[in-house]
C-alpha atoms as a PDB file:
ATOM      1  CA  MET A   1      91.027  95.508 190.904  1.00  0.00           C
ATOM      2  CA  LYS A   2      87.928  93.938 192.405  1.00  0.00           C
ATOM      3  CA  LEU A   3      88.555  90.683 194.177  1.00  0.00           C
ATOM      4  CA  ASN A   4      85.608  88.280 193.797  1.00  0.00           C
ATOM      5  CA  THR A   5      86.702  85.091 195.541  1.00  0.00           C
ATOM      6  CA  LEU A   6      88.635  84.020 198.576  1.00  0.00           C
ATOM      7  CA  GLU A   7      91.294  82.537 196.295  1.00  0.00           C
ATOM      8  CA  GLU A   8      91.716  85.939 194.568  1.00  0.00           C
ATOM      9  CA  VAL A   9      92.018  87.626 197.956  1.00  0.00           C
ATOM     10  CA  LEU A  10      94.616  85.025 199.059  1.00  0.00           C
ATOM     11  CA  ILE A  11      96.646  85.484 195.824  1.00  0.00           C
ATOM     12  CA  ASP A  12      96.592  89.237 196.321  1.00  0.00           C
ATOM     13  CA  HIS A  13      97.746  88.739 199.910  1.00  0.00           C
ATOM     14  CA  LEU A  14     100.487  86.391 198.797  1.00  0.00           C
ATOM     15  CA  ARG A  15     101.776  88.989 196.311  1.00  0.00           C
ATOM     16  CA  ASP A  16     102.038  91.446 199.183  1.00  0.00           C
ATOM     17  CA  LEU A  17     103.980  88.930 201.202  1.00  0.00           C
ATOM     18  CA  TYR A  18     106.189  88.075 198.213  1.00  0.00           C
ATOM     19  CA  ASP A  19     107.166  91.749 197.885  1.00  0.00           C
ATOM     20  CA  ALA A  20     107.808  91.950 201.658  1.00  0.00           C
ATOM     21  CA  GLU A  21     110.117  88.938 201.675  1.00  0.00           C
ATOM     22  CA  LYS A  22     112.030  90.072 198.599  1.00  0.00           C
ATOM     23  CA  HIS A  23     112.588  93.477 200.195  1.00  0.00           C
ATOM     24  CA  LEU A  24     113.725  91.836 203.406  1.00  0.00           C
ATOM     25  CA  VAL A  25     116.345  89.775 201.530  1.00  0.00           C
ATOM     26  CA  LYS A  26     117.828  93.104 200.477  1.00  0.00           C
ATOM     27  CA  ALA A  27     117.408  94.886 203.811  1.00  0.00           C
ATOM     28  CA  LEU A  28     118.574  92.238 206.308  1.00  0.00           C
ATOM     29  CA  PRO A  29     122.278  92.327 205.264  1.00  0.00           C
ATOM     30  CA  LYS A  30     122.317  96.062 205.928  1.00  0.00           C
ATOM     31  CA  MET A  31     120.760  95.569 209.401  1.00  0.00           C
ATOM     32  CA  ALA A  32     123.247  92.801 210.251  1.00  0.00           C
ATOM     33  CA  LYS A  33     126.165  95.074 209.221  1.00  0.00           C
ATOM     34  CA  ALA A  34     124.777  97.935 211.349  1.00  0.00           C
ATOM     35  CA  ALA A  35     124.400  95.789 214.415  1.00  0.00           C
ATOM     36  CA  ASP A  36     127.011  96.394 217.177  1.00  0.00           C
ATOM     37  CA  SER A  37     126.266  93.105 218.961  1.00  0.00           C
ATOM     38  CA  GLU A  38     127.679  90.044 217.192  1.00  0.00           C
ATOM     39  CA  GLU A  39     124.778  88.025 218.639  1.00  0.00           C
ATOM     40  CA  LEU A  40     122.253  90.397 216.917  1.00  0.00           C
ATOM     41  CA  ALA A  41     124.188  90.360 213.676  1.00  0.00           C
ATOM     42  CA  GLU A  42     124.293  86.572 213.775  1.00  0.00           C
ATOM     43  CA  ALA A  43     120.561  86.352 214.459  1.00  0.00           C
ATOM     44  CA  ILE A  44     119.789  88.658 211.547  1.00  0.00           C
ATOM     45  CA  ARG A  45     122.105  86.724 209.187  1.00  0.00           C
ATOM     46  CA  GLY A  46     120.472  83.469 210.206  1.00  0.00           C
ATOM     47  CA  HIS A  47     117.033  84.857 209.533  1.00  0.00           C
ATOM     48  CA  LEU A  48     118.219  86.132 206.107  1.00  0.00           C
ATOM     49  CA  GLU A  49     118.850  82.557 205.061  1.00  0.00           C
ATOM     50  CA  GLN A  50     115.390  81.580 206.235  1.00  0.00           C
ATOM     51  CA  THR A  51     113.894  84.551 204.441  1.00  0.00           C
ATOM     52  CA  LYS A  52     115.413  83.381 201.147  1.00  0.00           C
ATOM     53  CA  HIS A  53     113.580  80.084 201.716  1.00  0.00           C
ATOM     54  CA  HIS A  54     110.372  82.007 202.490  1.00  0.00           C
ATOM     55  CA  VAL A  55     110.584  83.515 199.049  1.00  0.00           C
ATOM     56  CA  GLU A  56     111.003  80.023 197.567  1.00  0.00           C
ATOM     57  CA  ARG A  57     108.068  78.667 199.555  1.00  0.00           C
ATOM     58  CA  LEU A  58     105.807  81.485 198.437  1.00  0.00           C
ATOM     59  CA  GLU A  59     106.757  80.616 194.859  1.00  0.00           C
ATOM     60  CA  GLN A  60     105.664  77.055 195.582  1.00  0.00           C
ATOM     61  CA  VAL A  61     102.385  78.301 197.023  1.00  0.00           C
ATOM     62  CA  PHE A  62     101.721  80.383 193.956  1.00  0.00           C
ATOM     63  CA  ALA A  63     102.284  77.253 191.849  1.00  0.00           C
ATOM     64  CA  LEU A  64      99.795  75.315 193.926  1.00  0.00           C
ATOM     65  CA  PHE A  65      97.198  77.861 192.846  1.00  0.00           C
ATOM     66  CA  ASP A  66      98.426  77.858 189.187  1.00  0.00           C
ATOM     67  CA  GLU A  67      99.638  81.458 189.595  1.00  0.00           C
ATOM     68  CA  LYS A  68     102.950  83.036 188.589  1.00  0.00           C
ATOM     69  CA  PRO A  69     104.826  84.597 191.471  1.00  0.00           C
ATOM     70  CA  ARG A  70     104.297  88.324 191.210  1.00  0.00           C
ATOM     71  CA  ALA A  71     104.928  91.000 193.800  1.00  0.00           C
ATOM     72  CA  LYS A  72     102.499  93.716 194.843  1.00  0.00           C
ATOM     73  CA  ALA A  73     104.058  96.670 196.663  1.00  0.00           C
ATOM     74  CA  CYS A  74     103.911  95.994 200.427  1.00  0.00           C
ATOM     75  CA  LYS A  75     103.861  99.534 201.794  1.00  0.00           C
ATOM     76  CA  ALA A  76     103.786  98.249 205.410  1.00  0.00           C
ATOM     77  CA  ILE A  77     107.101  96.390 205.122  1.00  0.00           C
ATOM     78  CA  ARG A  78     108.709  99.206 203.094  1.00  0.00           C
ATOM     79  CA  GLY A  79     107.859 101.583 205.915  1.00  0.00           C
ATOM     80  CA  LEU A  80     109.135  99.226 208.597  1.00  0.00           C
ATOM     81  CA  ILE A  81     112.335  98.692 206.670  1.00  0.00           C
ATOM     82  CA  GLU A  82     112.786 102.443 206.371  1.00  0.00           C
ATOM     83  CA  GLU A  83     112.320 102.762 210.171  1.00  0.00           C
ATOM     84  CA  GLY A  84     114.891 100.037 210.657  1.00  0.00           C
ATOM     85  CA  GLY A  85     117.327 101.863 208.404  1.00  0.00           C
ATOM     86  CA  GLU A  86     116.911 105.009 210.527  1.00  0.00           C
ATOM     87  CA  ALA A  87     117.583 102.964 213.674  1.00  0.00           C
ATOM     88  CA  ALA A  88     120.730 101.529 212.132  1.00  0.00           C
ATOM     89  CA  LYS A  89     122.388 104.920 211.591  1.00  0.00           C
ATOM     90  CA  ASP A  90     123.671 105.144 215.154  1.00  0.00           C
ATOM     91  CA  GLU A  91     126.049 102.805 217.003  1.00  0.00           C
ATOM     92  CA  GLY A  92     126.117 100.948 220.247  1.00  0.00           C
ATOM     93  CA  THR A  93     123.574  99.378 222.580  1.00  0.00           C
ATOM     94  CA  LEU A  94     120.763 101.832 221.952  1.00  0.00           C
ATOM     95  CA  SER A  95     121.078 101.444 218.181  1.00  0.00           C
ATOM     96  CA  ASP A  96     120.985  97.678 218.573  1.00  0.00           C
ATOM     97  CA  LEU A  97     117.843  97.921 220.689  1.00  0.00           C
ATOM     98  CA  ALA A  98     116.199 100.162 217.973  1.00  0.00           C
ATOM     99  CA  ILE A  99     117.228  97.613 215.286  1.00  0.00           C
ATOM    100  CA  ILE A 100     115.692  94.794 217.367  1.00  0.00           C
ATOM    101  CA  ALA A 101     112.457  96.794 217.830  1.00  0.00           C
ATOM    102  CA  ALA A 102     112.243  97.474 214.100  1.00  0.00           C
ATOM    103  CA  ALA A 103     112.975  93.841 213.245  1.00  0.00           C
ATOM    104  CA  GLN A 104     110.331  92.645 215.715  1.00  0.00           C
ATOM    105  CA  LYS A 105     107.758  94.967 214.151  1.00  0.00           C
ATOM    106  CA  VAL A 106     108.529  93.202 210.862  1.00  0.00           C
ATOM    107  CA  GLU A 107     108.263  89.763 212.457  1.00  0.00           C
ATOM    108  CA  HIS A 108     104.857  90.628 213.981  1.00  0.00           C
ATOM    109  CA  TYR A 109     103.653  91.888 210.618  1.00  0.00           C
ATOM    110  CA  GLU A 110     104.780  88.646 209.006  1.00  0.00           C
ATOM    111  CA  ILE A 111     103.317  86.407 211.751  1.00  0.00           C
ATOM    112  CA  SER A 112      99.956  88.084 211.233  1.00  0.00           C
ATOM    113  CA  ALA A 113     100.163  87.931 207.401  1.00  0.00           C
ATOM    114  CA  TYR A 114     101.284  84.271 207.288  1.00  0.00           C
ATOM    115  CA  GLY A 115      98.655  83.344 209.864  1.00  0.00           C
ATOM    116  CA  THR A 116      95.959  84.926 207.725  1.00  0.00           C
ATOM    117  CA  ALA A 117      97.224  83.312 204.534  1.00  0.00           C
ATOM    118  CA  LYS A 118      97.322  79.892 206.230  1.00  0.00           C
ATOM    119  CA  ALA A 119      93.756  80.277 207.499  1.00  0.00           C
ATOM    120  CA  TRP A 120      92.509  81.184 204.055  1.00  0.00           C
ATOM    121  CA  ALA A 121      94.400  78.274 202.392  1.00  0.00           C
ATOM    122  CA  GLU A 122      92.769  75.964 204.971  1.00  0.00           C
ATOM    123  CA  LYS A 123      89.369  77.340 204.094  1.00  0.00           C
ATOM    124  CA  LEU A 124      90.142  76.724 200.383  1.00  0.00           C
ATOM    125  CA  GLY A 125      91.141  73.115 201.227  1.00  0.00           C
ATOM    126  CA  ASN A 126      94.702  73.435 199.895  1.00  0.00           C
ATOM    127  CA  GLN A 127      96.635  71.402 202.489  1.00  0.00           C
ATOM    128  CA  ASP A 128      99.941  71.672 200.585  1.00  0.00           C
ATOM    129  CA  ALA A 129      99.733  75.444 200.776  1.00  0.00           C
ATOM    130  CA  VAL A 130      98.770  75.267 204.405  1.00  0.00           C
ATOM    131  CA  ASP A 131     101.807  73.168 205.178  1.00  0.00           C
ATOM    132  CA  LEU A 132     104.191  75.615 203.411  1.00  0.00           C
ATOM    133  CA  LEU A 133     102.685  78.620 205.016  1.00  0.00           C
ATOM    134  CA  GLU A 134     102.692  76.957 208.484  1.00  0.00           C
ATOM    135  CA  GLN A 135     106.414  76.198 208.084  1.00  0.00           C
ATOM    136  CA  THR A 136     107.191  79.846 207.380  1.00  0.00           C
ATOM    137  CA  LEU A 137     104.842  81.009 210.134  1.00  0.00           C
ATOM    138  CA  GLU A 138     106.704  78.859 212.684  1.00  0.00           C
ATOM    139  CA  GLU A 139     110.043  80.283 211.496  1.00  0.00           C
ATOM    140  CA  GLU A 140     108.720  83.846 211.813  1.00  0.00           C
ATOM    141  CA  LYS A 141     107.618  83.083 215.364  1.00  0.00           C
ATOM    142  CA  ALA A 142     111.019  81.570 216.193  1.00  0.00           C
ATOM    143  CA  ALA A 143     112.776  84.628 214.787  1.00  0.00           C
ATOM    144  CA  ASP A 144     110.665  86.916 216.979  1.00  0.00           C
ATOM    145  CA  SER A 145     111.543  84.791 220.039  1.00  0.00           C
ATOM    146  CA  LYS A 146     115.202  84.947 219.135  1.00  0.00           C
ATOM    147  CA  LEU A 147     115.123  88.697 218.852  1.00  0.00           C
ATOM    148  CA  THR A 148     113.462  88.914 222.325  1.00  0.00           C
ATOM    149  CA  GLU A 149     116.268  86.716 223.697  1.00  0.00           C
ATOM    150  CA  VAL A 150     118.962  88.882 221.979  1.00  0.00           C
ATOM    151  CA  SER A 151     117.340  92.043 223.282  1.00  0.00           C
ATOM    152  CA  GLY A 152     117.667  90.756 226.846  1.00  0.00           C
ATOM    153  CA  ALA A 153     121.333  89.908 226.279  1.00  0.00           C
ATOM    154  CA  VAL A 154     121.975  93.336 224.775  1.00  0.00           C
ATOM    155  CA  LEU A 155     120.245  95.039 227.716  1.00  0.00           C
ATOM    156  CA  GLU A 156     122.314  92.972 230.190  1.00  0.00           C
ATOM    157  CA  SER A 157     125.570  93.954 228.578  1.00  0.00           C
ATOM    158  CA  ALA A 158     124.703  97.567 228.119  1.00  0.00           C
ATOM    159  CA  PRO A 159     126.800 100.205 229.919  1.00  0.00           C
ATOM    160  CA  GLN A 160     124.844 101.607 232.841  1.00  0.00           C
ATOM    161  CA  ARG A 161     125.264 105.194 231.578  1.00  0.00           C
ATOM    162  CA  GLU A 162     123.318 104.274 228.380  1.00  0.00           C
ATOM    163  CA  MET A 163     120.413 102.923 230.438  1.00  0.00           C
ATOM    164  CA  GLU A 164     120.072 105.894 232.810  1.00  0.00           C
ATOM    165  CA  GLN A 165     117.525 108.574 232.308  1.00  0.00           C
ATOM    166  CA  VAL A 166     119.034 111.971 231.598  1.00  0.00           C
END
């Protein structure tokens, strides 16, 4: 499909994000269950609740552009979720660190995608969309920071033998 206007490009981009967020709603409970660290599991569960709100906000943004919410397959997130699932197969500190790395890759993708969507909504002069996208963008940045914090705690509590080079 040929996109002819910035609004069409934005809507296409939002459909990609909508698919990403919906897939994350399904994937995050599995990641939380696989986490060995309770702090990591709690951080993931907390972000799951935010992610449900991200889906709702995207639906509001679609409405602001008189569009029905529709997903477009987000291959990037699907691949990152798959990587996260592989990381979650093991147990212990190293598995938790791999889960955190996979989750942060997702957060970085989302930070980029929401930042782009916000910039385009600004260019289109839709301040209500900008505000909704900014709110989600800030939550994604906070989730990334929380994962960095949890990573430090996991590393601190790791048994020395797991951290040594073989």
